[in-house]
């Protein structure tokens, strides 16, 4: 997971470099419109967001589960858990946080990067995915909807990271039943542009959410669950 999350920084650096570079075959493959949609918000914020350490983009990852126990015949749905908010609260004042302590934020960035490459019809397909849809079926449906193999592969990689992270987090916090399904969604909001209402702030903006549908929980090994439980208790403690 650490290697995969670290790759997000490499992708971000490559995208910024491509955005600044002159036209080239590589830039044409990525697409000017996608590069602009990803990079522009970092440069079009209002003057109140230019300070050191200020946020220009805010990203969020929320997770939930369907839990079956002996009391109710049907699985019950939990509330959304904002794992990025929990992480941010824990890291207040920690200027040298380890990369593993920023896992939720990095995963949210990776998911948003993947989702921004789809059009509205393709996003609607993703939102309808459930446990009966295999990864091979996901690939086939998105390719049939006009997405490129590269974009689909990027999404499937980020999606699998999210499935494992959400599963292990929920398994570490839910003790009163069996988790039979999970779901996650990723949000993104941008700082105000210079020509917008001066009273608007990043925190006043609503998140634009990408729904990811339902997934089969990832069980993991006993060792992995134990290590992740320690990690989650550190965030919640």
Protein backbone atom coordinates (compact mmCIF):
# COMPACT_ATOMS: atom_id res chain seq x y z
CA UNK A 1 0.00 0.00 0.00
CA UNK A 2 2.84 2.39 0.85
CA UNK A 3 4.41 1.92 -2.60
CA UNK A 4 1.07 2.42 -4.32
CA UNK A 5 0.25 5.55 -2.37
CA UNK A 6 3.73 6.92 -2.99
CA UNK A 7 3.11 6.54 -6.70
CA UNK A 8 0.35 9.16 -6.41
CA UNK A 9 3.01 11.84 -5.85
CA UNK A 10 4.87 10.70 -8.96
CA UNK A 11 1.68 10.88 -11.03
CA UNK A 12 0.92 14.36 -9.69
CA UNK A 13 4.42 15.60 -10.57
CA UNK A 14 4.18 14.11 -14.07
CA UNK A 15 0.80 15.76 -14.70
CA UNK A 16 2.06 19.17 -13.60
CA UNK A 17 5.15 18.75 -15.79
CA UNK A 18 3.02 17.80 -18.80
CA UNK A 19 0.75 20.80 -18.19
CA UNK A 20 3.75 23.14 -18.28
CA UNK A 21 5.41 21.42 -21.26
CA UNK A 22 4.87 22.35 -24.94
CA UNK A 23 2.64 20.22 -27.15
CA UNK A 24 3.92 16.70 -27.64
CA UNK A 25 2.59 13.22 -28.51
CA UNK A 26 2.56 12.30 -24.81
CA UNK A 27 0.59 15.43 -23.90
CA UNK A 28 -1.88 14.68 -26.71
CA UNK A 29 -2.50 11.18 -25.32
CA UNK A 30 -3.25 12.53 -21.83
CA UNK A 31 -5.42 15.33 -23.21
CA UNK A 32 -5.25 19.10 -22.72
CA UNK A 33 -8.74 19.32 -21.22
CA UNK A 34 -7.94 16.76 -18.53
CA UNK A 35 -4.63 18.42 -17.67
CA UNK A 36 -6.37 21.79 -17.33
CA UNK A 37 -9.18 20.39 -15.16
CA UNK A 38 -6.61 18.85 -12.82
CA UNK A 39 -4.04 21.65 -12.60
CA UNK A 40 -5.98 24.89 -13.11
CA UNK A 41 -7.60 25.03 -9.64
CA UNK A 42 -4.14 25.27 -8.06
CA UNK A 43 -3.52 28.56 -9.88
CA UNK A 44 -6.96 30.22 -9.98
CA UNK A 45 -7.73 30.52 -6.29
CA UNK A 46 -8.47 33.80 -4.54
CA UNK A 47 -5.76 35.87 -2.86
CA UNK A 48 -6.77 34.64 0.60
CA UNK A 49 -5.58 31.14 -0.29
CA UNK A 50 -2.02 32.06 -1.24
CA UNK A 51 -0.49 31.82 2.22
CA UNK A 52 2.10 29.26 3.20
CA UNK A 53 0.44 25.98 4.10
CA UNK A 54 -2.94 27.09 2.69
CA UNK A 55 -5.21 24.58 1.00
CA UNK A 56 -6.19 25.10 -2.62
CA UNK A 57 -7.84 21.73 -3.09
CA UNK A 58 -9.69 19.75 -0.43
CA UNK A 59 -10.32 16.05 -0.96
CA UNK A 60 -12.33 13.63 1.15
CA UNK A 61 -12.84 9.90 1.36
CA UNK A 62 -15.88 8.45 3.09
CA UNK A 63 -16.62 4.77 3.73
CA UNK A 64 -19.54 2.72 5.03
CA UNK A 65 -20.59 -0.89 5.55
CA UNK A 66 -23.59 -3.17 5.53
CA UNK A 67 -23.48 -5.28 8.67
CA UNK A 68 -25.44 -8.47 9.38
CA UNK A 69 -25.99 -9.65 12.94
CA UNK A 70 -28.24 -12.13 14.72
CA UNK A 71 -30.78 -9.49 15.77
CA UNK A 72 -31.89 -8.29 12.33
CA UNK A 73 -32.59 -10.50 9.34
CA UNK A 74 -31.43 -7.89 6.84
CA UNK A 75 -28.00 -6.20 6.91
CA UNK A 76 -27.99 -2.75 8.44
CA UNK A 77 -26.28 0.21 6.79
CA UNK A 78 -23.81 2.29 8.79
CA UNK A 79 -23.41 6.04 8.51
CA UNK A 80 -20.69 7.43 6.28
CA UNK A 81 -17.31 7.65 8.02
CA UNK A 82 -15.07 10.48 6.80
CA UNK A 83 -11.65 8.89 7.19
CA UNK A 84 -9.87 11.97 5.82
CA UNK A 85 -11.46 14.18 8.49
CA UNK A 86 -10.40 11.71 11.21
CA UNK A 87 -6.89 11.67 9.79
CA UNK A 88 -6.71 15.48 9.56
CA UNK A 89 -7.87 15.93 13.16
CA UNK A 90 -5.25 13.48 14.39
CA UNK A 91 -2.47 15.23 12.47
CA UNK A 92 -3.09 18.78 13.73
CA UNK A 93 0.31 20.21 14.63
CA UNK A 94 2.20 17.21 13.24
CA UNK A 95 4.48 18.75 10.60
CA UNK A 96 6.56 15.62 10.08
CA UNK A 97 3.85 13.01 9.67
CA UNK A 98 4.88 9.66 8.23
CA UNK A 99 3.44 8.81 4.81
CA UNK A 100 1.32 6.03 6.31
CA UNK A 101 -0.40 8.65 8.49
CA UNK A 102 -1.52 10.48 5.34
CA UNK A 103 -2.90 7.35 3.68
CA UNK A 104 -6.53 8.48 3.51
CA UNK A 105 -5.66 11.85 1.95
CA UNK A 106 -3.33 10.28 -0.60
CA UNK A 107 -5.92 7.66 -1.48
CA UNK A 108 -8.58 10.35 -1.94
CA UNK A 109 -6.24 12.19 -4.32
CA UNK A 110 -5.58 9.00 -6.26
CA UNK A 111 -9.29 8.23 -6.59
CA UNK A 112 -10.17 11.77 -7.65
CA UNK A 113 -7.43 11.70 -10.25
CA UNK A 114 -8.90 8.48 -11.67
CA UNK A 115 -12.52 9.67 -11.59
CA UNK A 116 -11.81 13.02 -13.25
CA UNK A 117 -10.87 11.15 -16.42
CA UNK A 118 -14.40 9.76 -16.95
CA UNK A 119 -17.37 11.50 -18.53
CA UNK A 120 -20.80 11.69 -16.87
CA UNK A 121 -22.12 8.51 -18.50
CA UNK A 122 -19.08 6.53 -17.40
CA UNK A 123 -19.34 7.92 -13.86
CA UNK A 124 -22.98 6.77 -13.75
CA UNK A 125 -21.87 3.26 -14.68
CA UNK A 126 -19.32 3.23 -11.85
CA UNK A 127 -21.91 4.42 -9.33
CA UNK A 128 -24.07 1.39 -10.20
CA UNK A 129 -21.35 -1.20 -9.66
CA UNK A 130 -22.19 -3.71 -6.92
CA UNK A 131 -20.85 -6.97 -5.51
CA UNK A 132 -22.12 -8.98 -8.45
CA UNK A 133 -19.95 -7.03 -10.90
CA UNK A 134 -16.49 -8.56 -11.23
CA UNK A 135 -13.42 -6.51 -12.04
CA UNK A 136 -13.41 -8.03 -15.50
CA UNK A 137 -17.02 -6.87 -15.94
CA UNK A 138 -16.08 -3.38 -14.71
CA UNK A 139 -13.39 -3.23 -17.35
CA UNK A 140 -15.71 -4.44 -20.11
CA UNK A 141 -18.49 -2.00 -19.22
CA UNK A 142 -16.19 1.03 -19.07
CA UNK A 143 -14.41 0.13 -22.30
CA UNK A 144 -17.79 -0.38 -24.00
CA UNK A 145 -18.80 3.10 -22.76
CA UNK A 146 -15.86 4.63 -24.64
CA UNK A 147 -13.17 4.90 -21.97
CA UNK A 148 -9.57 4.09 -22.92
CA UNK A 149 -7.72 1.01 -21.59
CA UNK A 150 -5.22 3.27 -19.80
CA UNK A 151 -7.91 5.24 -17.98
CA UNK A 152 -9.76 2.06 -17.00
CA UNK A 153 -6.58 0.46 -15.69
CA UNK A 154 -5.79 3.55 -13.59
CA UNK A 155 -9.28 3.45 -12.12
CA UNK A 156 -9.19 -0.25 -11.32
CA UNK A 157 -5.88 0.15 -9.50
CA UNK A 158 -7.15 3.05 -7.38
CA UNK A 159 -10.44 1.27 -6.78
CA UNK A 160 -8.73 -1.86 -5.47
CA UNK A 161 -6.62 0.23 -3.08
CA UNK A 162 -9.80 1.89 -1.81
CA UNK A 163 -11.59 -1.46 -1.41
CA UNK A 164 -8.78 -2.87 0.71
CA UNK A 165 -8.31 0.27 2.78
CA UNK A 166 -12.05 0.68 3.46
CA UNK A 167 -12.48 -3.02 4.26
CA UNK A 168 -9.63 -3.15 6.75
CA UNK A 169 -10.68 0.13 8.40
CA UNK A 170 -14.28 -1.01 8.84
CA UNK A 171 -13.21 -4.46 10.04
CA UNK A 172 -11.12 -2.72 12.71
CA UNK A 173 -14.04 -0.68 14.06
CA UNK A 174 -17.12 -2.90 13.68
CA UNK A 175 -17.38 -5.65 16.28
CA UNK A 176 -21.10 -6.42 16.49
CA UNK A 177 -21.72 -8.33 13.27
CA UNK A 178 -20.44 -9.54 9.92
CA UNK A 179 -19.57 -6.99 7.23
CA UNK A 180 -21.29 -8.25 4.09
CA UNK A 181 -20.71 -5.25 1.82
CA UNK A 182 -18.85 -1.97 1.78
CA UNK A 183 -19.08 1.29 -0.13
CA UNK A 184 -16.92 4.37 -0.54
CA UNK A 185 -17.15 7.74 -2.20
CA UNK A 186 -14.59 10.41 -2.90
CA UNK A 187 -15.12 14.17 -2.83
CA UNK A 188 -13.28 17.20 -4.16
CA UNK A 189 -13.74 20.94 -3.73
CA UNK A 190 -11.68 23.84 -5.02
CA UNK A 191 -10.62 27.16 -3.56
CA UNK A 192 -12.48 30.23 -4.87
CA UNK A 193 -11.17 31.71 -8.09
CA UNK A 194 -9.86 35.26 -8.04
CA UNK A 195 -12.91 36.61 -9.89
CA UNK A 196 -15.47 35.04 -7.53
CA UNK A 197 -17.18 36.29 -4.38
CA UNK A 198 -14.48 37.50 -2.02
CA UNK A 199 -16.38 36.14 0.99
CA UNK A 200 -16.20 32.57 -0.30
CA UNK A 201 -13.62 30.25 1.23
CA UNK A 202 -12.52 26.70 0.55
CA UNK A 203 -14.31 25.52 3.68
CA UNK A 204 -17.57 27.15 2.55
CA UNK A 205 -17.62 25.14 -0.66
CA UNK A 206 -19.61 21.93 -0.93
CA UNK A 207 -17.83 18.78 -1.99
CA UNK A 208 -18.51 17.34 -5.43
CA UNK A 209 -18.88 13.63 -4.73
CA UNK A 210 -18.07 10.66 -6.93
CA UNK A 211 -20.07 7.59 -5.86
CA UNK A 212 -18.29 4.29 -6.40
CA UNK A 213 -21.10 1.78 -5.81
CA UNK A 214 -20.88 -1.28 -3.55
CA UNK A 215 -18.01 -3.76 -3.21
CA UNK A 216 -17.29 -7.15 -1.70
CA UNK A 217 -15.22 -6.71 1.48
CA UNK A 218 -11.53 -7.54 1.36
CA UNK A 219 -10.76 -9.92 4.21
CA UNK A 220 -6.98 -9.83 4.40
CA UNK A 221 -4.75 -12.03 6.49
CA UNK A 222 -4.96 -12.09 10.30
CA UNK A 223 -1.60 -10.33 10.38
CA UNK A 224 -2.77 -7.58 8.04
CA UNK A 225 -5.96 -7.06 10.05
CA UNK A 226 -3.98 -6.84 13.29
CA UNK A 227 -1.55 -4.27 11.91
CA UNK A 228 -4.36 -2.20 10.43
CA UNK A 229 -6.33 -2.33 13.66
CA UNK A 230 -3.36 -0.75 15.45
CA UNK A 231 -3.22 1.93 12.74
CA UNK A 232 -6.94 2.72 13.02
CA UNK A 233 -6.91 2.81 16.81
CA UNK A 234 -4.07 5.33 16.54
CA UNK A 235 -6.29 7.52 14.33
CA UNK A 236 -9.35 7.16 16.56
CA UNK A 237 -7.55 7.32 19.87
